[in-house]
């Protein structure tokens, strides 16, 4: 399915292969409610595809986890400012 979407231009997973989170424990990026996001955000801060990740999360309305260095709440605030 991912190949089909990539061909149509709707989904480009190439950036995901270069993401630092793909090389670390995914649980850090999906903490329990009230859990720390510090570890995930530190990883995101040094990731070369952080902007692509954030763009993807905003475009796909990701509601859970740390994407592009921002929590779901932070992404919601960002969307409100942009819209």
N, C-alpha and C. Protein backbone atom coordinates (compact mmCIF):
# COMPACT_ATOMS: atom_id res chain seq x y z
N UNK A 1 0.82 -1.19 0.00
CA UNK A 1 0.00 0.00 0.00
C UNK A 1 0.87 1.26 0.00
N UNK A 2 1.95 1.27 0.80
CA UNK A 2 2.83 2.41 0.86
C UNK A 2 3.43 2.75 -0.50
N UNK A 3 3.75 1.70 -1.30
CA UNK A 3 4.30 1.93 -2.63
C UNK A 3 3.29 2.62 -3.53
N UNK A 4 2.04 2.19 -3.42
CA UNK A 4 0.98 2.80 -4.21
C UNK A 4 0.86 4.29 -3.91
N UNK A 5 0.86 4.63 -2.66
CA UNK A 5 0.73 6.03 -2.27
C UNK A 5 1.96 6.83 -2.68
N UNK A 6 3.13 6.22 -2.58
CA UNK A 6 4.36 6.92 -2.97
C UNK A 6 4.33 7.26 -4.45
N UNK A 7 3.83 6.34 -5.26
CA UNK A 7 3.74 6.57 -6.69
C UNK A 7 2.80 7.73 -6.98
N UNK A 8 1.70 7.82 -6.24
CA UNK A 8 0.74 8.88 -6.48
C UNK A 8 1.20 10.21 -5.89
N UNK A 9 2.29 10.20 -5.13
CA UNK A 9 2.81 11.43 -4.56
C UNK A 9 2.18 11.83 -3.23
N UNK A 10 1.28 11.00 -2.71
CA UNK A 10 0.62 11.34 -1.46
C UNK A 10 1.47 11.01 -0.25
N UNK A 11 2.39 10.09 -0.39
CA UNK A 11 3.16 9.63 0.76
C UNK A 11 4.58 9.35 0.33
N UNK A 12 5.52 10.01 0.95
CA UNK A 12 6.93 9.82 0.64
C UNK A 12 7.61 9.35 1.91
N UNK A 13 7.91 8.07 1.99
CA UNK A 13 8.48 7.55 3.22
C UNK A 13 10.01 7.61 3.26
N UNK A 14 10.63 8.14 2.24
CA UNK A 14 12.09 8.21 2.20
C UNK A 14 12.65 8.95 3.41
N UNK A 15 12.02 10.03 3.82
CA UNK A 15 12.51 10.79 4.97
C UNK A 15 12.42 9.95 6.24
N UNK A 16 11.43 9.08 6.33
CA UNK A 16 11.27 8.25 7.52
C UNK A 16 12.43 7.27 7.70
N UNK A 17 13.00 6.83 6.60
CA UNK A 17 14.13 5.91 6.67
C UNK A 17 15.36 6.61 7.24
N UNK A 18 15.46 7.93 7.09
CA UNK A 18 16.60 8.70 7.60
C UNK A 18 16.34 9.26 9.00
N UNK A 19 15.14 9.10 9.51
CA UNK A 19 14.78 9.66 10.81
C UNK A 19 15.49 8.94 11.95
N UNK A 20 15.99 9.71 12.90
CA UNK A 20 16.67 9.12 14.05
C UNK A 20 15.74 8.26 14.89
N UNK A 21 14.47 8.59 14.92
CA UNK A 21 13.52 7.82 15.73
C UNK A 21 13.39 6.39 15.22
N UNK A 22 13.66 6.17 13.94
CA UNK A 22 13.59 4.83 13.37
C UNK A 22 14.72 3.95 13.91
N UNK A 23 15.72 4.58 14.51
CA UNK A 23 16.87 3.85 15.03
C UNK A 23 16.85 3.75 16.55
N UNK A 24 15.78 4.22 17.18
CA UNK A 24 15.70 4.23 18.64
C UNK A 24 14.42 3.55 19.11
N UNK A 25 14.24 3.52 20.41
CA UNK A 25 13.07 2.90 21.01
C UNK A 25 11.82 3.72 20.70
N UNK A 26 10.87 3.17 19.97
CA UNK A 26 9.67 3.93 19.61
C UNK A 26 8.82 4.35 20.80
N UNK A 27 8.94 3.65 21.91
CA UNK A 27 8.14 4.00 23.09
C UNK A 27 8.47 5.39 23.61
N UNK A 28 9.67 5.86 23.37
CA UNK A 28 10.06 7.20 23.81
C UNK A 28 9.22 8.27 23.12
N UNK A 29 8.73 7.96 21.92
CA UNK A 29 7.97 8.93 21.13
C UNK A 29 6.47 8.85 21.37
N UNK A 30 6.06 7.88 22.17
CA UNK A 30 4.65 7.71 22.51
C UNK A 30 4.53 7.47 24.01
N UNK A 31 4.89 8.49 24.81
CA UNK A 31 4.87 8.32 26.27
C UNK A 31 3.44 8.20 26.81
N UNK A 32 3.33 7.57 27.96
CA UNK A 32 2.04 7.50 28.64
C UNK A 32 1.57 8.92 28.94
N UNK A 33 0.28 9.10 29.12
CA UNK A 33 -0.25 10.42 29.46
C UNK A 33 0.45 10.93 30.71
N UNK A 34 0.98 12.14 30.61
CA UNK A 34 1.71 12.73 31.72
C UNK A 34 3.17 12.32 31.78
N UNK A 35 3.59 11.42 30.88
CA UNK A 35 4.97 10.96 30.85
C UNK A 35 5.89 12.00 30.22
N UNK A 36 7.16 11.82 30.42
CA UNK A 36 8.15 12.76 29.90
C UNK A 36 8.33 12.63 28.40
N UNK A 37 8.45 13.78 27.76
CA UNK A 37 8.72 13.83 26.31
C UNK A 37 10.16 14.28 26.05
N UNK A 38 10.91 14.49 27.11
CA UNK A 38 12.26 15.05 27.00
C UNK A 38 13.18 14.21 26.10
N UNK A 39 13.22 12.90 26.32
CA UNK A 39 14.12 12.05 25.53
C UNK A 39 13.79 12.13 24.04
N UNK A 40 12.52 12.03 23.69
CA UNK A 40 12.12 12.08 22.29
C UNK A 40 12.47 13.44 21.67
N UNK A 41 12.20 14.50 22.39
CA UNK A 41 12.48 15.84 21.86
C UNK A 41 13.97 16.07 21.67
N UNK A 42 14.80 15.49 22.54
CA UNK A 42 16.25 15.61 22.37
C UNK A 42 16.70 14.91 21.09
N UNK A 43 16.12 13.76 20.82
CA UNK A 43 16.45 13.03 19.60
C UNK A 43 16.00 13.84 18.39
N UNK A 44 14.79 14.37 18.44
CA UNK A 44 14.26 15.17 17.33
C UNK A 44 15.13 16.39 17.05
N UNK A 45 15.64 17.02 18.09
CA UNK A 45 16.44 18.24 17.92
C UNK A 45 17.67 18.03 17.06
N UNK A 46 18.20 16.81 17.03
CA UNK A 46 19.39 16.56 16.21
C UNK A 46 19.07 15.76 14.95
N UNK A 47 17.81 15.60 14.63
CA UNK A 47 17.40 14.81 13.47
C UNK A 47 17.36 15.68 12.21
N UNK A 48 17.93 15.16 11.14
CA UNK A 48 18.00 15.91 9.88
C UNK A 48 16.67 16.02 9.15
N UNK A 49 15.69 15.21 9.51
CA UNK A 49 14.40 15.24 8.82
C UNK A 49 13.27 15.74 9.73
N UNK A 50 13.64 16.51 10.73
CA UNK A 50 12.66 17.02 11.70
C UNK A 50 11.55 17.81 11.01
N UNK A 51 11.88 18.68 10.07
CA UNK A 51 10.85 19.50 9.42
C UNK A 51 9.92 18.64 8.57
N UNK A 52 10.45 17.64 7.88
CA UNK A 52 9.60 16.75 7.09
C UNK A 52 8.65 15.97 7.99
N UNK A 53 9.16 15.56 9.14
CA UNK A 53 8.37 14.82 10.11
C UNK A 53 7.21 15.68 10.64
N UNK A 54 7.52 16.90 11.01
CA UNK A 54 6.50 17.81 11.52
C UNK A 54 5.46 18.11 10.43
N UNK A 55 5.93 18.34 9.23
CA UNK A 55 5.01 18.60 8.11
C UNK A 55 4.07 17.41 7.90
N UNK A 56 4.62 16.21 7.97
CA UNK A 56 3.81 15.00 7.81
C UNK A 56 2.75 14.92 8.91
N UNK A 57 3.17 15.14 10.16
CA UNK A 57 2.24 15.05 11.29
C UNK A 57 1.12 16.07 11.18
N UNK A 58 1.45 17.28 10.78
CA UNK A 58 0.44 18.32 10.63
C UNK A 58 -0.50 18.01 9.47
N UNK A 59 0.05 17.53 8.39
CA UNK A 59 -0.74 17.22 7.21
C UNK A 59 -1.64 16.00 7.37
N UNK A 60 -1.24 15.09 8.25
CA UNK A 60 -2.01 13.86 8.47
C UNK A 60 -2.73 13.86 9.81
N UNK A 61 -2.76 15.00 10.45
CA UNK A 61 -3.48 15.16 11.72
C UNK A 61 -3.13 14.08 12.73
N UNK A 62 -1.82 13.82 12.88
CA UNK A 62 -1.36 12.84 13.87
C UNK A 62 -1.75 13.33 15.26
N UNK A 63 -2.43 12.51 16.00
CA UNK A 63 -2.94 12.91 17.31
C UNK A 63 -2.16 12.34 18.48
N UNK A 64 -1.24 11.46 18.21
CA UNK A 64 -0.49 10.83 19.29
C UNK A 64 1.00 10.89 19.00
N UNK A 65 1.77 11.01 20.04
CA UNK A 65 3.21 10.92 19.92
C UNK A 65 3.91 12.23 19.63
N UNK A 66 5.23 12.13 19.65
CA UNK A 66 6.11 13.26 19.35
C UNK A 66 6.49 13.16 17.88
N UNK A 67 6.20 14.19 17.14
CA UNK A 67 6.51 14.25 15.70
C UNK A 67 7.18 15.59 15.44
N UNK A 68 8.33 15.55 14.79
CA UNK A 68 9.03 16.79 14.47
C UNK A 68 9.41 17.59 15.71
N UNK A 69 9.55 16.92 16.82
CA UNK A 69 9.96 17.57 18.06
C UNK A 69 8.82 18.21 18.84
N UNK A 70 7.58 18.02 18.39
CA UNK A 70 6.44 18.62 19.09
C UNK A 70 5.45 17.56 19.55
N UNK A 71 4.86 17.82 20.70
CA UNK A 71 3.80 16.94 21.21
C UNK A 71 2.50 17.25 20.48
N UNK A 72 1.51 16.44 20.70
CA UNK A 72 0.21 16.66 20.06
C UNK A 72 -0.36 18.01 20.46
N UNK A 73 -0.24 18.36 21.70
CA UNK A 73 -0.73 19.67 22.18
C UNK A 73 0.00 20.82 21.50
N UNK A 74 1.32 20.69 21.38
CA UNK A 74 2.11 21.73 20.73
C UNK A 74 1.77 21.85 19.24
N UNK A 75 1.50 20.72 18.60
CA UNK A 75 1.10 20.75 17.19
C UNK A 75 -0.26 21.42 17.02
N UNK A 76 -1.17 21.15 17.94
CA UNK A 76 -2.49 21.80 17.88
C UNK A 76 -2.35 23.30 17.99
N UNK A 77 -1.53 23.76 18.95
CA UNK A 77 -1.29 25.21 19.11
C UNK A 77 -0.70 25.81 17.85
N UNK A 78 0.25 25.12 17.26
CA UNK A 78 0.90 25.59 16.05
C UNK A 78 -0.13 25.70 14.91
N UNK A 79 -0.99 24.71 14.77
CA UNK A 79 -2.01 24.75 13.71
C UNK A 79 -2.96 25.93 13.92
N UNK A 80 -3.32 26.20 15.16
CA UNK A 80 -4.22 27.33 15.43
C UNK A 80 -3.58 28.64 15.04
N UNK A 81 -2.29 28.79 15.27
CA UNK A 81 -1.60 30.02 14.92
C UNK A 81 -1.50 30.20 13.41
N UNK A 82 -1.31 29.09 12.70
CA UNK A 82 -1.12 29.14 11.25
C UNK A 82 -2.45 29.38 10.55
N UNK A 83 -3.51 28.76 11.04
CA UNK A 83 -4.83 28.87 10.39
C UNK A 83 -5.47 30.16 10.71
